[in-house]
């Protein structure tokens, strides 16, 4: 029978190639066809499977419900409702790649590669670019002697350094530690860093601010530091109060402690402590205290009339005119705060006025001047053995080096009289 001709229905047994009848054959059995070369069955077709003992390749693709191969299959396309497997590799039509013992090591989805097992490499993974429009998910671990990836512009090396091609060591990962070598910046939000400023809260950060915490309300506590043994080590309220040691809020700065605690303590290189305040209310200063401090002078006299008199310093009595006894040299700038007056004689019996005045003399003036710097007039019935206070305004001032004195112009003879003058000296000058 000639090639490619038909003579109707034919029946035949096995077919042998006349030039090589032993090695090249086509065997026919029930629901079974095998092609032999070199006396070996190379390709078998049965009712339930197709088997090949050598590699099968196709430029047009291979489509089948099931493949079982002892070698390898290469093609442009593999499709079907079953799976492709051989020599330890298994691929099903759902895009799952694995082995006979672990069938789902890799899963291929649209724009996604899922690795369920461990990804390892002794040579590392190196590339000039790794790009993805979707996600890269690794369920196990990534190990190797080297890992260098440029994810447009990002470089990761095996020393746990992360950076860019131009600056590869911006981040350094260590055990329990993250080192940032470059600047940190971010957009607005609950937490962000901009131009070296750390901000908590969604408000613009002003220039020159290093740390800014935005409280959600005046009644909130934006900062609270505590330990299991101390409820409040340090806290700041939204209203601007600072609390140390406990929730005591009576001022902008509040410190709570026991009577034996040092609530405030300050030291220096030469003084330890230089200053402290205890819970009992005691204060300690290792050096001198310079401040605006009060100074007191007392004066005793019995005028015998209702005439104006000048108080003497350092001796009992008064004078009707300013003399050397009626002056004091001011060691600092200051003012006369008040004059406290008490007498033992009879009062007026009616409403009268008694005047208290501050006098001073400046350079080239020998005595205090008759014209007062400031005067306070007290109007009262003036009952004996009663204390009266003449309080001066801030105009009753003098300078360091001035001579100062006080006069009293009573509306009656007060009899035996005691006066205390309260001065304020500014020791900072």
Protein backbone atom coordinates (compact mmCIF):
# COMPACT_ATOMS: atom_id res chain seq x y z
CA UNK A 1 0.00 0.00 0.00
CA UNK A 2 1.38 3.31 -1.05
CA UNK A 3 1.92 6.22 1.44
CA UNK A 4 -1.03 8.49 2.04
CA UNK A 5 -3.53 6.28 0.20
CA UNK A 6 -6.72 4.67 1.43
CA UNK A 7 -8.12 1.28 0.54
CA UNK A 8 -11.01 1.19 3.03
CA UNK A 9 -11.23 -0.30 6.51
CA UNK A 10 -8.11 -2.29 7.45
CA UNK A 11 -7.29 -4.71 10.28
CA UNK A 12 -3.71 -5.33 11.31
CA UNK A 13 -1.55 -6.43 14.20
CA UNK A 14 1.64 -4.69 15.28
CA UNK A 15 3.55 -2.69 12.67
CA UNK A 16 7.29 -3.09 12.14
CA UNK A 17 9.64 -0.87 10.15
CA UNK A 18 11.07 -3.14 7.44
CA UNK A 19 14.56 -1.65 7.74
CA UNK A 20 14.60 -2.02 11.54
CA UNK A 21 11.84 -4.52 12.43
CA UNK A 22 13.16 -5.30 15.91
CA UNK A 23 13.79 -1.76 17.25
CA UNK A 24 11.19 0.40 15.47
CA UNK A 25 7.58 -0.72 15.94
CA UNK A 26 3.99 0.34 16.66
CA UNK A 27 2.31 -1.99 19.17
CA UNK A 28 -1.45 -2.28 19.36
CA UNK A 29 -3.40 -3.62 22.34
CA UNK A 30 -6.93 -3.07 23.67
CA UNK A 31 -7.25 0.67 24.32
CA UNK A 32 -3.47 0.85 24.00
CA UNK A 33 -0.99 2.12 21.41
CA UNK A 34 2.78 2.27 21.93
CA UNK A 35 5.52 3.61 19.69
CA UNK A 36 8.88 1.90 20.10
CA UNK A 37 12.36 3.01 19.11
CA UNK A 38 15.58 1.21 19.91
CA UNK A 39 13.35 -1.58 21.20
CA UNK A 40 11.96 0.76 23.93
CA UNK A 41 8.38 2.05 24.37
CA UNK A 42 8.86 5.78 23.97
CA UNK A 43 5.29 7.08 23.67
CA UNK A 44 2.14 5.32 24.99
CA UNK A 45 -1.48 6.35 24.49
CA UNK A 46 -4.16 4.58 26.51
CA UNK A 47 -7.73 5.20 27.45
CA UNK A 48 -6.71 6.86 30.73
CA UNK A 49 -3.28 8.41 30.17
CA UNK A 50 -0.45 9.41 27.83
CA UNK A 51 3.03 8.43 28.87
CA UNK A 52 6.38 9.43 27.40
CA UNK A 53 9.75 8.02 28.48
CA UNK A 54 11.67 10.82 26.76
CA UNK A 55 11.29 14.60 26.59
CA UNK A 56 8.18 15.89 24.82
CA UNK A 57 8.36 19.32 23.14
CA UNK A 58 5.90 21.35 21.11
CA UNK A 59 6.01 24.81 19.56
CA UNK A 60 2.22 24.95 19.42
CA UNK A 61 1.52 23.87 22.98
CA UNK A 62 0.28 20.74 24.73
CA UNK A 63 -3.30 20.50 26.02
CA UNK A 64 -4.53 17.56 28.10
CA UNK A 65 -6.50 16.59 31.17
CA UNK A 66 -3.59 14.76 32.79
CA UNK A 67 0.14 14.27 32.16
CA UNK A 68 2.48 11.77 33.81
CA UNK A 69 6.07 11.79 32.60
CA UNK A 70 9.31 10.24 33.62
CA UNK A 71 11.38 12.88 31.89
CA UNK A 72 10.66 16.47 30.93
CA UNK A 73 7.97 18.27 28.93
CA UNK A 74 8.71 21.61 27.20
CA UNK A 75 6.17 23.59 25.28
CA UNK A 76 4.90 27.06 24.57
CA UNK A 77 1.61 26.49 26.43
CA UNK A 78 0.37 23.91 28.91
CA UNK A 79 -3.36 23.93 29.66
CA UNK A 80 -6.01 21.58 30.92
CA UNK A 81 -8.15 20.60 33.87
CA UNK A 82 -5.55 18.36 35.51
CA UNK A 83 -1.94 18.81 36.45
CA UNK A 84 1.61 18.50 35.10
CA UNK A 85 4.11 16.52 37.16
CA UNK A 86 7.36 14.65 36.84
CA UNK A 87 10.74 14.09 38.51
CA UNK A 88 9.66 15.76 41.78
CA UNK A 89 7.98 18.83 40.20
CA UNK A 90 4.23 19.30 40.26
CA UNK A 91 2.20 22.10 38.58
CA UNK A 92 -1.58 22.23 38.59
CA UNK A 93 -3.89 24.35 36.47
CA UNK A 94 -4.65 26.69 39.42
CA UNK A 95 -1.12 28.07 39.22
CA UNK A 96 0.16 26.13 42.24
CA UNK A 97 3.72 24.79 42.01
CA UNK A 98 5.26 22.30 44.40
CA UNK A 99 6.40 18.75 44.91
CA UNK A 100 4.58 15.51 45.51
CA UNK A 101 5.20 15.92 49.25
CA UNK A 102 4.50 19.67 49.42
CA UNK A 103 2.17 20.67 46.60
CA UNK A 104 1.67 24.41 47.33
CA UNK A 105 5.15 25.88 47.68
CA UNK A 106 4.45 28.57 45.05
CA UNK A 107 1.15 30.06 43.97
CA UNK A 108 0.85 32.19 40.85
CA UNK A 109 -1.96 34.77 40.83
CA UNK A 110 -2.63 37.86 38.75
CA UNK A 111 0.30 40.22 39.43
CA UNK A 112 1.26 38.20 42.52
CA UNK A 113 3.73 35.46 43.50
CA UNK A 114 3.05 33.75 46.83
CA UNK A 115 5.88 31.77 48.45
CA UNK A 116 4.58 29.40 51.12
CA UNK A 117 7.91 27.71 51.83
CA UNK A 118 11.41 28.92 52.54
CA UNK A 119 13.31 30.89 49.88
CA UNK A 120 17.06 30.41 50.15
CA UNK A 121 20.11 30.95 48.01
CA UNK A 122 23.82 30.36 48.62
CA UNK A 123 24.76 32.90 45.95
CA UNK A 124 22.22 35.55 46.86
CA UNK A 125 19.65 37.36 44.80
CA UNK A 126 20.99 40.24 42.74
CA UNK A 127 19.22 42.46 40.27
CA UNK A 128 19.30 45.95 38.86
CA UNK A 129 15.56 46.35 39.40
CA UNK A 130 12.69 44.48 41.00
CA UNK A 131 9.36 45.89 39.93
CA UNK A 132 5.80 44.87 40.63
CA UNK A 133 2.46 46.47 40.01
CA UNK A 134 0.97 44.23 42.69
CA UNK A 135 2.49 42.62 45.79
CA UNK A 136 5.39 40.34 46.61
CA UNK A 137 4.44 38.04 49.53
CA UNK A 138 6.87 35.65 51.23
CA UNK A 139 5.39 33.30 53.80
CA UNK A 140 8.72 31.85 54.94
CA UNK A 141 12.13 33.49 55.20
CA UNK A 142 14.63 34.94 52.76
CA UNK A 143 18.22 33.80 53.32
CA UNK A 144 21.45 33.83 51.38
CA UNK A 145 25.04 35.02 51.31
CA UNK A 146 24.09 38.19 49.52
CA UNK A 147 21.00 40.19 48.78
CA UNK A 148 21.21 43.31 46.65
CA UNK A 149 18.02 44.76 45.25
CA UNK A 150 17.30 48.08 43.62
CA UNK A 151 13.62 48.78 44.10
CA UNK A 152 13.79 51.75 42.04
CA UNK A 153 16.52 53.49 44.04
CA UNK A 154 16.51 51.34 47.21
CA UNK A 155 19.62 49.26 48.07
CA UNK A 156 19.72 46.51 50.72
CA UNK A 157 22.99 44.71 51.48
CA UNK A 158 23.94 41.72 53.64
CA UNK A 159 25.13 43.99 56.50
CA UNK A 160 21.50 44.94 57.14
CA UNK A 161 22.07 48.38 55.65
CA UNK A 162 19.30 50.10 53.68
CA UNK A 163 19.77 53.17 51.53
CA UNK A 164 20.08 54.43 47.99
CA UNK A 165 22.70 54.00 45.30
CA UNK A 166 24.18 57.38 46.23
CA UNK A 167 23.84 56.91 50.01
CA UNK A 168 23.68 53.19 50.85
CA UNK A 169 23.84 53.39 54.68
CA UNK A 170 20.84 55.57 55.57
CA UNK A 171 19.40 52.82 57.81
CA UNK A 172 21.30 50.25 59.86
CA UNK A 173 19.42 47.30 61.38
CA UNK A 174 20.91 45.71 64.52
CA UNK A 175 19.65 43.48 67.31
CA UNK A 176 16.96 45.49 69.08
CA UNK A 177 18.08 48.71 67.43
CA UNK A 178 17.43 50.85 64.35
CA UNK A 179 20.08 53.44 63.49
CA UNK A 180 19.05 56.30 61.21
CA UNK A 181 22.00 58.09 59.63
CA UNK A 182 19.97 60.47 57.47
CA UNK A 183 17.13 62.92 58.08
CA UNK A 184 13.59 61.72 58.80
CA UNK A 185 10.69 63.57 57.23
CA UNK A 186 7.03 62.91 56.70
CA UNK A 187 3.71 64.47 55.89
CA UNK A 188 1.24 66.03 58.32
CA UNK A 189 -0.69 63.75 60.63
CA UNK A 190 -0.82 62.43 64.16
CA UNK A 191 2.93 61.83 64.02
CA UNK A 192 5.38 63.33 61.58
CA UNK A 193 8.92 64.67 61.34
CA UNK A 194 9.71 67.66 59.15
CA UNK A 195 13.09 69.31 58.70
CA UNK A 196 14.45 67.88 61.96
CA UNK A 197 11.29 68.67 64.00
CA UNK A 198 9.36 65.86 65.68
CA UNK A 199 5.64 66.63 65.95
CA UNK A 200 2.83 64.80 67.71
CA UNK A 201 -0.56 66.16 66.67
CA UNK A 202 -1.88 67.70 63.46
CA UNK A 203 -0.77 71.30 63.62
CA UNK A 204 1.81 73.27 61.69
CA UNK A 205 5.26 73.30 63.30
CA UNK A 206 6.79 76.74 63.71
CA UNK A 207 10.39 77.54 62.82
CA UNK A 208 13.00 76.74 65.47
CA UNK A 209 10.84 74.09 67.18
CA UNK A 210 12.59 70.75 67.84
CA UNK A 211 9.75 68.83 69.53
CA UNK A 212 6.07 69.79 69.43
CA UNK A 213 3.23 67.95 71.13
CA UNK A 214 -0.28 69.07 70.20
CA UNK A 215 -2.82 68.31 72.95
CA UNK A 216 -6.30 67.35 71.73
CA UNK A 217 -7.93 69.54 74.43
CA UNK A 218 -7.11 71.73 77.44
CA UNK A 219 -8.39 69.01 79.77
CA UNK A 220 -6.21 66.25 78.31
CA UNK A 221 -2.77 65.03 79.43
CA UNK A 222 -0.55 65.00 76.31
CA UNK A 223 2.48 63.73 78.26
CA UNK A 224 2.50 61.14 81.08
CA UNK A 225 5.54 59.21 82.34
CA UNK A 226 4.90 56.53 84.97
CA UNK A 227 6.22 53.25 86.38
CA UNK A 228 4.48 50.39 88.22
CA UNK A 229 5.63 51.92 91.51
CA UNK A 230 4.98 55.60 90.68
CA UNK A 231 1.67 56.70 89.18
CA UNK A 232 3.00 60.00 87.95
CA UNK A 233 6.71 60.66 87.48
CA UNK A 234 6.11 63.54 85.07
CA UNK A 235 2.96 64.82 83.38
CA UNK A 236 1.91 67.85 81.33
CA UNK A 237 -1.70 68.94 81.06
CA UNK A 238 -3.40 70.57 78.11
CA UNK A 239 -3.89 73.72 80.18
CA UNK A 240 -0.12 74.21 80.50
CA UNK A 241 0.48 72.71 83.95
CA UNK A 242 3.47 70.48 84.73
CA UNK A 243 3.18 67.82 87.43
CA UNK A 244 6.09 66.00 89.09
CA UNK A 245 5.57 63.23 91.65
CA UNK A 246 1.76 63.23 91.78
CA UNK A 247 -1.49 64.74 90.53
CA UNK A 248 -1.28 67.98 92.50
CA UNK A 249 -2.42 70.94 90.41
CA UNK A 250 -2.14 74.30 92.12
CA UNK A 251 0.23 76.15 89.79
CA UNK A 252 1.98 75.88 86.43
CA UNK A 253 4.71 73.74 88.03
CA UNK A 254 3.52 71.28 90.69
CA UNK A 255 5.78 68.99 92.73
CA UNK A 256 4.49 66.42 95.21
CA UNK A 257 6.53 64.59 97.84
CA UNK A 258 6.80 63.65 101.49
CA UNK A 259 8.03 65.94 104.28
CA UNK A 260 11.51 64.41 104.09
CA UNK A 261 11.78 64.58 100.30
CA UNK A 262 13.87 67.20 98.56
CA UNK A 263 11.24 68.56 96.21
CA UNK A 264 13.75 70.76 94.35
CA UNK A 265 17.51 70.23 94.41
CA UNK A 266 20.23 72.05 92.44
CA UNK A 267 23.98 71.37 92.39
CA UNK A 268 27.08 72.81 90.76
CA UNK A 269 30.71 71.78 90.39
CA UNK A 270 31.62 73.44 93.70
CA UNK A 271 28.37 73.16 95.67
CA UNK A 272 26.36 69.98 96.14
CA UNK A 273 23.67 70.95 96.77
CA UNK A 274 23.76 74.61 95.83
CA UNK A 275 20.06 74.94 96.62
CA UNK A 276 17.17 72.75 97.72
CA UNK A 277 13.61 72.93 99.05
CA UNK A 278 12.33 70.10 101.24
CA UNK A 279 8.79 68.81 101.65
CA UNK A 280 8.74 70.30 105.15
CA UNK A 281 9.05 73.78 103.65
CA UNK A 282 12.69 74.36 104.53
CA UNK A 283 14.96 75.95 101.95
CA UNK A 284 18.75 75.75 101.83
CA UNK A 285 21.16 78.00 99.90
CA UNK A 286 24.88 77.28 100.00
CA UNK A 287 25.80 80.83 98.98
CA UNK A 288 24.30 84.29 99.44
CA UNK A 289 20.72 85.12 98.51
CA UNK A 290 20.26 88.25 96.44
CA UNK A 291 16.74 89.47 95.80
CA UNK A 292 14.30 92.23 96.61
CA UNK A 293 14.29 91.92 100.39
CA UNK A 294 12.51 93.73 103.20
CA UNK A 295 14.36 95.75 105.84
CA UNK A 296 12.85 97.16 109.07
CA UNK A 297 13.62 100.23 111.20
CA UNK A 298 11.91 101.03 114.54
CA UNK A 299 11.45 104.45 116.07
CA UNK A 300 10.26 105.57 119.59
CA UNK A 301 9.37 109.13 120.67
CA UNK A 302 6.96 111.35 122.61
CA UNK A 303 6.45 114.64 120.74
CA UNK A 304 4.43 116.64 123.25
CA UNK A 305 2.55 118.51 120.48
CA UNK A 306 0.79 118.06 117.13
CA UNK A 307 3.70 119.58 115.12
CA UNK A 308 5.37 117.75 112.20
CA UNK A 309 8.33 115.68 113.43
CA UNK A 310 11.18 113.73 111.75
CA UNK A 311 11.95 110.25 113.02
CA UNK A 312 15.43 109.52 114.40
CA UNK A 313 17.50 106.47 113.34
CA UNK A 314 19.45 104.44 115.91
CA UNK A 315 18.28 106.57 118.84
CA UNK A 316 15.08 107.48 120.70
CA UNK A 317 13.38 110.78 119.91
CA UNK A 318 12.31 113.09 117.10
CA UNK A 319 13.26 116.43 115.62
CA UNK A 320 11.07 119.23 114.28
CA UNK A 321 13.63 119.87 111.52
CA UNK A 322 15.78 117.50 109.51
CA UNK A 323 19.18 116.87 111.15
CA UNK A 324 21.92 114.26 111.03
CA UNK A 325 19.79 112.03 113.31
CA UNK A 326 16.92 111.83 110.83
CA UNK A 327 18.59 110.16 107.86
CA UNK A 328 19.79 106.76 106.63
CA UNK A 329 21.99 106.03 103.59
CA UNK A 330 20.25 103.62 101.17
CA UNK A 331 22.65 100.73 100.26
CA UNK A 332 20.50 99.69 97.26
CA UNK A 333 17.76 101.02 95.06
CA UNK A 334 14.47 100.62 96.81
CA UNK A 335 11.24 102.05 98.14
CA UNK A 336 9.30 102.69 101.36
CA UNK A 337 6.54 100.07 101.55
CA UNK A 338 4.65 101.20 104.64
CA UNK A 339 4.75 102.88 108.05
CA UNK A 340 3.10 101.07 111.00
CA UNK A 341 2.08 103.47 113.82
CA UNK A 342 0.84 102.97 117.39
CA UNK A 343 0.43 105.56 120.21
CA UNK A 344 -0.48 105.55 123.93
CA UNK A 345 -1.91 109.06 124.29
CA UNK A 346 -5.46 110.18 123.84
CA UNK A 347 -7.05 110.13 120.43
CA UNK A 348 -8.82 112.98 118.74
CA UNK A 349 -12.37 111.97 119.53
CA UNK A 350 -13.33 112.83 115.97
CA UNK A 351 -12.22 112.29 112.39
CA UNK A 352 -8.86 113.91 111.67
CA UNK A 353 -5.95 113.48 109.22
CA UNK A 354 -2.39 112.37 110.04
CA UNK A 355 0.21 112.55 107.25
CA UNK A 356 3.20 110.21 106.77
CA UNK A 357 5.90 111.26 104.27
CA UNK A 358 9.10 109.90 102.69
CA UNK A 359 11.94 112.39 102.30
CA UNK A 360 15.29 111.99 100.58
CA UNK A 361 18.47 113.82 99.73
CA UNK A 362 20.67 113.21 96.71
CA UNK A 363 24.33 113.95 95.95
CA UNK A 364 25.52 117.38 97.24
CA UNK A 365 22.54 117.59 99.65
CA UNK A 366 23.58 117.35 103.30
CA UNK A 367 20.13 116.58 104.78
CA UNK A 368 16.88 115.06 103.63
CA UNK A 369 14.71 117.66 101.93
CA UNK A 370 11.58 119.17 103.43
CA UNK A 371 9.63 118.55 100.20
CA UNK A 372 8.48 114.93 100.43
CA UNK A 373 8.95 112.27 97.73
CA UNK A 374 5.60 110.68 98.61
CA UNK A 375 2.90 111.24 101.27
CA UNK A 376 0.10 109.02 102.67
CA UNK A 377 -2.80 110.70 104.54
CA UNK A 378 -4.67 108.58 107.10
CA UNK A 379 -8.15 109.79 108.10
CA UNK A 380 -9.59 108.27 111.29
CA UNK A 381 -10.84 108.94 114.82
CA UNK A 382 -7.47 107.56 115.99
CA UNK A 383 -8.07 105.56 119.14
CA UNK A 384 -5.13 105.04 121.49
CA UNK A 385 -3.42 101.60 121.74
CA UNK A 386 -4.57 100.82 118.21
CA UNK A 387 -2.26 100.04 115.26
CA UNK A 388 -2.61 102.08 112.05
CA UNK A 389 -0.79 101.42 108.75
CA UNK A 390 0.12 103.97 106.08
CA UNK A 391 0.80 102.02 102.82
CA UNK A 392 2.83 103.81 100.16
CA UNK A 393 2.52 103.47 96.39
CA UNK A 394 5.37 102.61 94.02
CA UNK A 395 6.20 106.33 93.76
CA UNK A 396 7.94 106.25 97.18
CA UNK A 397 11.28 105.26 95.62
CA UNK A 398 14.93 106.15 96.05
CA UNK A 399 18.29 105.23 94.54
CA UNK A 400 21.35 103.57 95.99
CA UNK A 401 23.42 106.22 97.82
CA UNK A 402 20.48 108.54 98.56
CA UNK A 403 19.81 109.60 102.14
CA UNK A 404 16.23 108.84 103.25
CA UNK A 405 14.02 109.72 106.21
CA UNK A 406 10.39 109.75 107.40
CA UNK A 407 8.20 112.50 108.89
CA UNK A 408 4.87 112.35 110.73
CA UNK A 409 2.41 115.26 110.88
CA UNK A 410 -0.20 114.26 113.50
CA UNK A 411 -3.49 116.05 114.03
CA UNK A 412 -3.02 115.72 117.81
CA UNK A 413 -0.38 114.98 120.44
CA UNK A 414 -0.08 111.16 120.26
CA UNK A 415 1.91 110.82 123.46
CA UNK A 416 4.33 107.90 123.67
CA UNK A 417 4.60 106.60 120.12
CA UNK A 418 6.16 103.55 118.44
CA UNK A 419 6.71 103.42 114.64
CA UNK A 420 8.02 100.61 112.40
CA UNK A 421 9.08 101.50 108.84
CA UNK A 422 9.13 98.72 106.23
CA UNK A 423 11.71 99.27 103.47
CA UNK A 424 12.32 97.20 100.31
CA UNK A 425 15.90 97.03 98.96
CA UNK A 426 16.74 95.55 95.54
CA UNK A 427 19.92 93.61 96.36
CA UNK A 428 20.36 92.56 92.73
CA UNK A 429 21.71 96.05 91.98
